[in-house]
């Protein structure tokens, strides 16, 4: 019987995503890490919205949805998407 060694799996890492948007009413995050399903972010007292996700190593594309408008992370690398706009890129 063949058993899989638990050491064969890449360790998952906790990755933080944040966006400074003090005037926003709602900010969400979507990306290849969750099939582009929109996930609401929490706002801190200074207007920074964020969340932490547990991800396996790899390259992920993502964007923020700010009050219904897609927006990129200003500090992230970008890649062209099939819609002619850009997605942010995060390597874990």
PDB file of N, CA and C in Angstrom:
ATOM      1  N   UNK A   1       0.844  -1.171   0.000  1.00  0.00           N
ATOM      2  CA  UNK A   1       0.000   0.000   0.000  1.00  0.00           C
ATOM      3  C   UNK A   1       0.897   1.244   0.000  1.00  0.00           C
ATOM      4  N   UNK A   2       0.581   2.181  -0.875  1.00  0.00           N
ATOM      5  CA  UNK A   2       1.349   3.412  -0.992  1.00  0.00           C
ATOM      6  C   UNK A   2       0.717   4.488  -0.120  1.00  0.00           C
ATOM      7  N   UNK A   3       1.536   5.092   0.720  1.00  0.00           N
ATOM      8  CA  UNK A   3       1.033   6.175   1.577  1.00  0.00           C
ATOM      9  C   UNK A   3       1.754   7.461   1.216  1.00  0.00           C
ATOM     10  N   UNK A   4       1.008   8.515   1.209  1.00  0.00           N
ATOM     11  CA  UNK A   4       1.573   9.821   0.892  1.00  0.00           C
ATOM     12  C   UNK A   4       2.254  10.388   2.133  1.00  0.00           C
ATOM     13  N   UNK A   5       3.464  10.843   1.964  1.00  0.00           N
ATOM     14  CA  UNK A   5       4.209  11.460   3.050  1.00  0.00           C
ATOM     15  C   UNK A   5       3.705  12.884   3.229  1.00  0.00           C
ATOM     16  N   UNK A   6       3.327  13.246   4.434  1.00  0.00           N
ATOM     17  CA  UNK A   6       2.809  14.593   4.680  1.00  0.00           C
ATOM     18  C   UNK A   6       3.864  15.658   4.395  1.00  0.00           C
ATOM     19  N   UNK A   7       5.133  15.280   4.345  1.00  0.00           N
ATOM     20  CA  UNK A   7       6.192  16.223   4.027  1.00  0.00           C
ATOM     21  C   UNK A   7       6.229  16.594   2.555  1.00  0.00           C
ATOM     22  N   UNK A   8       5.467  15.871   1.697  1.00  0.00           N
ATOM     23  CA  UNK A   8       5.442  16.158   0.268  1.00  0.00           C
ATOM     24  C   UNK A   8       4.652  17.423  -0.050  1.00  0.00           C
ATOM     25  N   UNK A   9       3.796  17.830   0.827  1.00  0.00           N
ATOM     26  CA  UNK A   9       2.961  19.009   0.580  1.00  0.00           C
ATOM     27  C   UNK A   9       3.720  20.279   0.930  1.00  0.00           C
ATOM     28  N   UNK A  10       3.568  21.283   0.068  1.00  0.00           N
ATOM     29  CA  UNK A  10       4.200  22.570   0.360  1.00  0.00           C
ATOM     30  C   UNK A  10       3.472  23.211   1.538  1.00  0.00           C
ATOM     31  N   UNK A  11       4.196  23.818   2.442  1.00  0.00           N
ATOM     32  CA  UNK A  11       3.551  24.455   3.588  1.00  0.00           C
ATOM     33  C   UNK A  11       2.739  25.670   3.152  1.00  0.00           C
ATOM     34  N   UNK A  12       1.583  25.808   3.756  1.00  0.00           N
ATOM     35  CA  UNK A  12       0.750  26.977   3.470  1.00  0.00           C
ATOM     36  C   UNK A  12       1.289  28.162   4.257  1.00  0.00           C
ATOM     37  N   UNK A  13       1.060  29.351   3.708  1.00  0.00           N
ATOM     38  CA  UNK A  13       1.533  30.568   4.365  1.00  0.00           C
ATOM     39  C   UNK A  13       0.391  31.549   4.531  1.00  0.00           C
ATOM     40  N   UNK A  14       0.445  32.308   5.614  1.00  0.00           N
ATOM     41  CA  UNK A  14      -0.551  33.351   5.889  1.00  0.00           C
ATOM     42  C   UNK A  14      -0.089  34.617   5.169  1.00  0.00           C
ATOM     43  N   UNK A  15      -0.906  35.107   4.237  1.00  0.00           N
ATOM     44  CA  UNK A  15      -0.560  36.259   3.410  1.00  0.00           C
ATOM     45  C   UNK A  15      -1.569  37.375   3.655  1.00  0.00           C
ATOM     46  N   UNK A  16      -1.064  38.575   3.884  1.00  0.00           N
ATOM     47  CA  UNK A  16      -1.935  39.730   4.133  1.00  0.00           C
ATOM     48  C   UNK A  16      -2.119  40.555   2.864  1.00  0.00           C
ATOM     49  N   UNK A  17      -3.340  41.008   2.665  1.00  0.00           N
ATOM     50  CA  UNK A  17      -3.693  41.915   1.579  1.00  0.00           C
ATOM     51  C   UNK A  17      -4.289  43.153   2.224  1.00  0.00           C
ATOM     52  N   UNK A  18      -3.870  44.333   1.778  1.00  0.00           N
ATOM     53  CA  UNK A  18      -4.442  45.558   2.337  1.00  0.00           C
ATOM     54  C   UNK A  18      -4.466  46.659   1.288  1.00  0.00           C
ATOM     55  N   UNK A  19      -5.390  47.584   1.490  1.00  0.00           N
ATOM     56  CA  UNK A  19      -5.541  48.726   0.595  1.00  0.00           C
ATOM     57  C   UNK A  19      -5.963  49.930   1.416  1.00  0.00           C
ATOM     58  N   UNK A  20      -5.262  51.036   1.235  1.00  0.00           N
ATOM     59  CA  UNK A  20      -5.633  52.280   1.904  1.00  0.00           C
ATOM     60  C   UNK A  20      -6.718  52.953   1.078  1.00  0.00           C
ATOM     61  N   UNK A  21      -7.909  53.053   1.645  1.00  0.00           N
ATOM     62  CA  UNK A  21      -9.060  53.663   0.970  1.00  0.00           C
ATOM     63  C   UNK A  21      -9.973  54.267   2.028  1.00  0.00           C
ATOM     64  N   UNK A  22      -9.535  55.365   2.670  1.00  0.00           N
ATOM     65  CA  UNK A  22     -10.291  55.919   3.794  1.00  0.00           C
ATOM     66  C   UNK A  22     -11.695  56.391   3.445  1.00  0.00           C
ATOM     67  N   UNK A  23     -11.938  56.801   2.207  1.00  0.00           N
ATOM     68  CA  UNK A  23     -13.261  57.287   1.828  1.00  0.00           C
ATOM     69  C   UNK A  23     -14.205  56.216   1.330  1.00  0.00           C
ATOM     70  N   UNK A  24     -13.729  54.978   1.227  1.00  0.00           N
ATOM     71  CA  UNK A  24     -14.549  53.896   0.680  1.00  0.00           C
ATOM     72  C   UNK A  24     -15.601  53.427   1.675  1.00  0.00           C
ATOM     73  N   UNK A  25     -16.743  53.027   1.143  1.00  0.00           N
ATOM     74  CA  UNK A  25     -17.812  52.455   1.964  1.00  0.00           C
ATOM     75  C   UNK A  25     -17.693  50.937   2.045  1.00  0.00           C
ATOM     76  N   UNK A  26     -17.153  50.325   0.974  1.00  0.00           N
ATOM     77  CA  UNK A  26     -17.014  48.866   0.923  1.00  0.00           C
ATOM     78  C   UNK A  26     -15.822  48.507   0.049  1.00  0.00           C
ATOM     79  N   UNK A  27     -14.979  47.605   0.549  1.00  0.00           N
ATOM     80  CA  UNK A  27     -13.828  47.117  -0.209  1.00  0.00           C
ATOM     81  C   UNK A  27     -13.819  45.599  -0.109  1.00  0.00           C
ATOM     82  N   UNK A  28     -13.618  44.953  -1.257  1.00  0.00           N
ATOM     83  CA  UNK A  28     -13.563  43.496  -1.322  1.00  0.00           C
ATOM     84  C   UNK A  28     -12.311  43.076  -2.078  1.00  0.00           C
ATOM     85  N   UNK A  29     -11.978  41.801  -1.965  1.00  0.00           N
ATOM     86  CA  UNK A  29     -10.813  41.218  -2.616  1.00  0.00           C
ATOM     87  C   UNK A  29     -11.266  39.997  -3.396  1.00  0.00           C
ATOM     88  N   UNK A  30     -10.734  39.826  -4.600  1.00  0.00           N
ATOM     89  CA  UNK A  30     -11.007  38.629  -5.398  1.00  0.00           C
ATOM     90  C   UNK A  30      -9.736  38.273  -6.155  1.00  0.00           C
ATOM     91  N   UNK A  31      -9.563  36.978  -6.433  1.00  0.00           N
ATOM     92  CA  UNK A  31      -8.368  36.573  -7.165  1.00  0.00           C
ATOM     93  C   UNK A  31      -8.389  35.115  -7.560  1.00  0.00           C
ATOM     94  N   UNK A  32      -7.295  34.702  -8.175  1.00  0.00           N
ATOM     95  CA  UNK A  32      -7.191  33.317  -8.624  1.00  0.00           C
ATOM     96  C   UNK A  32      -7.124  32.349  -7.453  1.00  0.00           C
ATOM     97  N   UNK A  33      -6.789  32.832  -6.270  1.00  0.00           N
ATOM     98  CA  UNK A  33      -6.710  31.977  -5.080  1.00  0.00           C
ATOM     99  C   UNK A  33      -8.074  31.507  -4.612  1.00  0.00           C
ATOM    100  N   UNK A  34      -9.167  32.159  -5.062  1.00  0.00           N
ATOM    101  CA  UNK A  34     -10.513  31.729  -4.655  1.00  0.00           C
ATOM    102  C   UNK A  34     -11.504  31.730  -5.822  1.00  0.00           C
ATOM    103  N   UNK A  35     -10.990  31.544  -7.049  1.00  0.00           N
ATOM    104  CA  UNK A  35     -11.871  31.495  -8.215  1.00  0.00           C
ATOM    105  C   UNK A  35     -12.536  32.832  -8.510  1.00  0.00           C
ATOM    106  N   UNK A  36     -11.908  33.922  -8.110  1.00  0.00           N
ATOM    107  CA  UNK A  36     -12.417  35.284  -8.304  1.00  0.00           C
ATOM    108  C   UNK A  36     -13.726  35.537  -7.566  1.00  0.00           C
ATOM    109  N   UNK A  37     -13.933  34.812  -6.479  1.00  0.00           N
ATOM    110  CA  UNK A  37     -15.100  35.060  -5.627  1.00  0.00           C
ATOM    111  C   UNK A  37     -14.798  36.268  -4.739  1.00  0.00           C
ATOM    112  N   UNK A  38     -15.678  37.238  -4.744  1.00  0.00           N
ATOM    113  CA  UNK A  38     -15.471  38.480  -3.999  1.00  0.00           C
ATOM    114  C   UNK A  38     -15.599  38.222  -2.498  1.00  0.00           C
ATOM    115  N   UNK A  39     -14.594  38.690  -1.743  1.00  0.00           N
ATOM    116  CA  UNK A  39     -14.568  38.523  -0.284  1.00  0.00           C
ATOM    117  C   UNK A  39     -14.444  39.907   0.354  1.00  0.00           C
ATOM    118  N   UNK A  40     -15.357  40.242   1.248  1.00  0.00           N
ATOM    119  CA  UNK A  40     -15.341  41.549   1.913  1.00  0.00           C
ATOM    120  C   UNK A  40     -14.140  41.675   2.843  1.00  0.00           C
ATOM    121  N   UNK A  41     -13.563  42.873   2.873  1.00  0.00           N
ATOM    122  CA  UNK A  41     -12.438  43.162   3.752  1.00  0.00           C
ATOM    123  C   UNK A  41     -12.909  43.970   4.953  1.00  0.00           C
ATOM    124  N   UNK A  42     -12.109  43.961   6.012  1.00  0.00           N
ATOM    125  CA  UNK A  42     -12.419  44.742   7.214  1.00  0.00           C
ATOM    126  C   UNK A  42     -11.601  46.023   7.208  1.00  0.00           C
ATOM    127  N   UNK A  43     -12.197  47.084   7.730  1.00  0.00           N
ATOM    128  CA  UNK A  43     -11.554  48.393   7.769  1.00  0.00           C
ATOM    129  C   UNK A  43     -11.034  48.683   9.173  1.00  0.00           C
ATOM    130  N   UNK A  44      -9.814  49.230   9.238  1.00  0.00           N
ATOM    131  CA  UNK A  44      -9.296  49.642  10.542  1.00  0.00           C
ATOM    132  C   UNK A  44      -9.634  51.117  10.774  1.00  0.00           C
ATOM    133  N   UNK A  45      -9.199  51.684  11.865  1.00  0.00           N
ATOM    134  CA  UNK A  45      -9.525  53.060  12.224  1.00  0.00           C
ATOM    135  C   UNK A  45      -8.896  54.124  11.338  1.00  0.00           C
ATOM    136  N   UNK A  46      -7.883  53.746  10.560  1.00  0.00           N
ATOM    137  CA  UNK A  46      -7.206  54.702   9.687  1.00  0.00           C
ATOM    138  C   UNK A  46      -7.654  54.601   8.226  1.00  0.00           C
ATOM    139  N   UNK A  47      -8.665  53.805   7.948  1.00  0.00           N
ATOM    140  CA  UNK A  47      -9.155  53.673   6.577  1.00  0.00           C
ATOM    141  C   UNK A  47      -8.391  52.679   5.730  1.00  0.00           C
ATOM    142  N   UNK A  48      -7.663  51.773   6.380  1.00  0.00           N
ATOM    143  CA  UNK A  48      -6.967  50.709   5.655  1.00  0.00           C
ATOM    144  C   UNK A  48      -7.821  49.452   5.741  1.00  0.00           C
ATOM    145  N   UNK A  49      -8.114  48.883   4.584  1.00  0.00           N
ATOM    146  CA  UNK A  49      -8.936  47.681   4.487  1.00  0.00           C
ATOM    147  C   UNK A  49      -8.015  46.485   4.294  1.00  0.00           C
ATOM    148  N   UNK A  50      -8.319  45.364   4.942  1.00  0.00           N
ATOM    149  CA  UNK A  50      -7.428  44.228   4.802  1.00  0.00           C
ATOM    150  C   UNK A  50      -8.018  42.900   5.209  1.00  0.00           C
ATOM    151  N   UNK A  51      -7.273  41.869   4.849  1.00  0.00           N
ATOM    152  CA  UNK A  51      -7.602  40.492   5.219  1.00  0.00           C
ATOM    153  C   UNK A  51      -6.338  39.657   5.085  1.00  0.00           C
ATOM    154  N   UNK A  52      -6.299  38.547   5.799  1.00  0.00           N
ATOM    155  CA  UNK A  52      -5.208  37.584   5.676  1.00  0.00           C
ATOM    156  C   UNK A  52      -5.784  36.275   5.178  1.00  0.00           C
ATOM    157  N   UNK A  53      -5.093  35.668   4.225  1.00  0.00           N
ATOM    158  CA  UNK A  53      -5.512  34.395   3.652  1.00  0.00           C
ATOM    159  C   UNK A  53      -4.399  33.380   3.825  1.00  0.00           C
ATOM    160  N   UNK A  54      -4.754  32.116   3.958  1.00  0.00           N
ATOM    161  CA  UNK A  54      -3.780  31.041   4.014  1.00  0.00           C
ATOM    162  C   UNK A  54      -3.677  30.442   2.619  1.00  0.00           C
ATOM    163  N   UNK A  55      -2.486  30.574   2.014  1.00  0.00           N
ATOM    164  CA  UNK A  55      -2.291  30.154   0.626  1.00  0.00           C
ATOM    165  C   UNK A  55      -1.115  29.195   0.501  1.00  0.00           C
ATOM    166  N   UNK A  56      -1.212  28.286  -0.456  1.00  0.00           N
ATOM    167  CA  UNK A  56      -0.085  27.426  -0.790  1.00  0.00           C
ATOM    168  C   UNK A  56       0.855  28.204  -1.705  1.00  0.00           C
ATOM    169  N   UNK A  57       2.132  27.858  -1.734  1.00  0.00           N
ATOM    170  CA  UNK A  57       3.067  28.571  -2.599  1.00  0.00           C
ATOM    171  C   UNK A  57       2.621  28.536  -4.063  1.00  0.00           C
ATOM    172  N   UNK A  58       2.802  29.646  -4.729  1.00  0.00           N
ATOM    173  CA  UNK A  58       2.423  29.768  -6.132  1.00  0.00           C
ATOM    174  C   UNK A  58       2.312  31.230  -6.510  1.00  0.00           C
ATOM    175  N   UNK A  59       1.873  31.473  -7.738  1.00  0.00           N
ATOM    176  CA  UNK A  59       1.676  32.830  -8.235  1.00  0.00           C
ATOM    177  C   UNK A  59       0.186  33.069  -8.375  1.00  0.00           C
ATOM    178  N   UNK A  60      -0.286  34.155  -7.810  1.00  0.00           N
ATOM    179  CA  UNK A  60      -1.712  34.479  -7.794  1.00  0.00           C
ATOM    180  C   UNK A  60      -1.955  35.859  -8.393  1.00  0.00           C
ATOM    181  N   UNK A  61      -3.095  36.004  -9.071  1.00  0.00           N
ATOM    182  CA  UNK A  61      -3.546  37.305  -9.553  1.00  0.00           C
ATOM    183  C   UNK A  61      -4.745  37.724  -8.718  1.00  0.00           C
ATOM    184  N   UNK A  62      -4.866  39.041  -8.490  1.00  0.00           N
ATOM    185  CA  UNK A  62      -5.961  39.539  -7.652  1.00  0.00           C
ATOM    186  C   UNK A  62      -6.259  40.989  -7.982  1.00  0.00           C
ATOM    187  N   UNK A  63      -7.413  41.455  -7.503  1.00  0.00           N
ATOM    188  CA  UNK A  63      -7.812  42.863  -7.599  1.00  0.00           C
ATOM    189  C   UNK A  63      -8.711  43.190  -6.414  1.00  0.00           C
ATOM    190  N   UNK A  64      -8.809  44.478  -6.128  1.00  0.00           N
ATOM    191  CA  UNK A  64      -9.728  44.972  -5.109  1.00  0.00           C
ATOM    192  C   UNK A  64     -10.971  45.521  -5.800  1.00  0.00           C
ATOM    193  N   UNK A  65     -12.115  45.361  -5.161  1.00  0.00           N
ATOM    194  CA  UNK A  65     -13.370  45.941  -5.628  1.00  0.00           C
ATOM    195  C   UNK A  65     -13.742  47.018  -4.612  1.00  0.00           C
ATOM    196  N   UNK A  66     -13.609  48.285  -5.028  1.00  0.00           N
ATOM    197  CA  UNK A  66     -13.817  49.425  -4.134  1.00  0.00           C
ATOM    198  C   UNK A  66     -15.096  50.137  -4.542  1.00  0.00           C
ATOM    199  N   UNK A  67     -16.104  50.056  -3.691  1.00  0.00           N
ATOM    200  CA  UNK A  67     -17.406  50.673  -3.971  1.00  0.00           C
ATOM    201  C   UNK A  67     -17.896  50.346  -5.384  1.00  0.00           C
ATOM    202  N   UNK A  68     -17.738  49.078  -5.776  1.00  0.00           N
ATOM    203  CA  UNK A  68     -18.241  48.605  -7.063  1.00  0.00           C
ATOM    204  C   UNK A  68     -17.313  48.803  -8.248  1.00  0.00           C
ATOM    205  N   UNK A  69     -16.131  49.378  -8.032  1.00  0.00           N
ATOM    206  CA  UNK A  69     -15.171  49.618  -9.119  1.00  0.00           C
ATOM    207  C   UNK A  69     -13.891  48.823  -8.865  1.00  0.00           C
ATOM    208  N   UNK A  70     -13.416  48.098  -9.894  1.00  0.00           N
ATOM    209  CA  UNK A  70     -12.177  47.348  -9.753  1.00  0.00           C
ATOM    210  C   UNK A  70     -11.002  48.302  -9.624  1.00  0.00           C
ATOM    211  N   UNK A  71     -10.085  47.952  -8.727  1.00  0.00           N
ATOM    212  CA  UNK A  71      -8.908  48.785  -8.489  1.00  0.00           C
ATOM    213  C   UNK A  71      -7.723  47.884  -8.188  1.00  0.00           C
ATOM    214  N   UNK A  72      -6.548  48.285  -8.655  1.00  0.00           N
ATOM    215  CA  UNK A  72      -5.343  47.517  -8.386  1.00  0.00           C
ATOM    216  C   UNK A  72      -4.646  47.994  -7.127  1.00  0.00           C
ATOM    217  N   UNK A  73      -3.838  47.117  -6.582  1.00  0.00           N
ATOM    218  CA  UNK A  73      -2.971  47.417  -5.449  1.00  0.00           C
ATOM    219  C   UNK A  73      -1.824  48.276  -5.989  1.00  0.00           C
ATOM    220  N   UNK A  74      -1.687  49.521  -5.529  1.00  0.00           N
ATOM    221  CA  UNK A  74      -0.672  50.406  -6.101  1.00  0.00           C
ATOM    222  C   UNK A  74       0.769  49.932  -5.912  1.00  0.00           C
ATOM    223  N   UNK A  75       1.021  49.049  -4.962  1.00  0.00           N
ATOM    224  CA  UNK A  75       2.382  48.581  -4.720  1.00  0.00           C
ATOM    225  C   UNK A  75       2.704  47.226  -5.323  1.00  0.00           C
ATOM    226  N   UNK A  76       1.795  46.667  -6.111  1.00  0.00           N
ATOM    227  CA  UNK A  76       1.971  45.301  -6.610  1.00  0.00           C
ATOM    228  C   UNK A  76       2.470  45.262  -8.051  1.00  0.00           C
ATOM    229  N   UNK A  77       3.114  44.153  -8.386  1.00  0.00           N
ATOM    230  CA  UNK A  77       3.429  43.853  -9.784  1.00  0.00           C
ATOM    231  C   UNK A  77       2.105  43.621 -10.495  1.00  0.00           C
ATOM    232  N   UNK A  78       2.064  43.805 -11.817  1.00  0.00           N
ATOM    233  CA  UNK A  78       0.825  43.613 -12.563  1.00  0.00           C
ATOM    234  C   UNK A  78       1.047  42.709 -13.769  1.00  0.00           C
ATOM    235  N   UNK A  79      -0.051  42.115 -14.245  1.00  0.00           N
ATOM    236  CA  UNK A  79      -0.049  41.285 -15.446  1.00  0.00           C
ATOM    237  C   UNK A  79      -1.305  41.608 -16.243  1.00  0.00           C
ATOM    238  N   UNK A  80      -1.189  41.588 -17.559  1.00  0.00           N
ATOM    239  CA  UNK A  80      -2.328  41.845 -18.428  1.00  0.00           C
ATOM    240  C   UNK A  80      -3.322  40.695 -18.315  1.00  0.00           C
ATOM    241  N   UNK A  81      -4.611  41.023 -18.193  1.00  0.00           N
ATOM    242  CA  UNK A  81      -5.640  39.982 -18.127  1.00  0.00           C
ATOM    243  C   UNK A  81      -6.377  39.899 -19.470  1.00  0.00           C
ATOM    244  N   UNK A  82      -7.234  38.894 -19.676  1.00  0.00           N
ATOM    245  CA  UNK A  82      -7.927  38.714 -20.955  1.00  0.00           C
ATOM    246  C   UNK A  82      -8.897  39.843 -21.308  1.00  0.00           C
ATOM    247  N   UNK A  83      -9.187  40.724 -20.365  1.00  0.00           N
ATOM    248  CA  UNK A  83     -10.146  41.803 -20.606  1.00  0.00           C
ATOM    249  C   UNK A  83      -9.463  43.106 -21.010  1.00  0.00           C
ATOM    250  N   UNK A  84      -8.143  43.066 -21.195  1.00  0.00           N
ATOM    251  CA  UNK A  84      -7.414  44.249 -21.616  1.00  0.00           C
ATOM    252  C   UNK A  84      -7.037  45.185 -20.485  1.00  0.00           C
ATOM    253  N   UNK A  85      -7.274  44.772 -19.256  1.00  0.00           N
ATOM    254  CA  UNK A  85      -6.851  45.556 -18.097  1.00  0.00           C
ATOM    255  C   UNK A  85      -5.769  44.765 -17.366  1.00  0.00           C
ATOM    256  N   UNK A  86      -5.373  45.223 -16.216  1.00  0.00           N
ATOM    257  CA  UNK A  86      -4.302  44.563 -15.485  1.00  0.00           C
ATOM    258  C   UNK A  86      -4.786  44.003 -14.158  1.00  0.00           C
ATOM    259  N   UNK A  87      -4.215  42.868 -13.778  1.00  0.00           N
ATOM    260  CA  UNK A  87      -4.423  42.280 -12.460  1.00  0.00           C
ATOM    261  C   UNK A  87      -3.132  42.436 -11.670  1.00  0.00           C
ATOM    262  N   UNK A  88      -3.252  42.491 -10.379  1.00  0.00           N
ATOM    263  CA  UNK A  88      -2.089  42.489  -9.497  1.00  0.00           C
ATOM    264  C   UNK A  88      -1.554  41.063  -9.418  1.00  0.00           C
ATOM    265  N   UNK A  89      -0.264  40.931  -9.148  1.00  0.00           N
ATOM    266  CA  UNK A  89       0.369  39.618  -9.041  1.00  0.00           C
ATOM    267  C   UNK A  89       1.042  39.508  -7.682  1.00  0.00           C
ATOM    268  N   UNK A  90       0.805  38.389  -7.004  1.00  0.00           N
ATOM    269  CA  UNK A  90       1.452  38.102  -5.714  1.00  0.00           C
ATOM    270  C   UNK A  90       2.057  36.710  -5.805  1.00  0.00           C
ATOM    271  N   UNK A  91       3.355  36.613  -5.530  1.00  0.00           N
ATOM    272  CA  UNK A  91       4.043  35.325  -5.497  1.00  0.00           C
ATOM    273  C   UNK A  91       4.194  34.925  -4.041  1.00  0.00           C
ATOM    274  N   UNK A  92       3.722  33.728  -3.718  1.00  0.00           N
ATOM    275  CA  UNK A  92       3.777  33.206  -2.347  1.00  0.00           C
ATOM    276  C   UNK A  92       4.876  32.164  -2.278  1.00  0.00           C
TER     277      UNK A  92
END
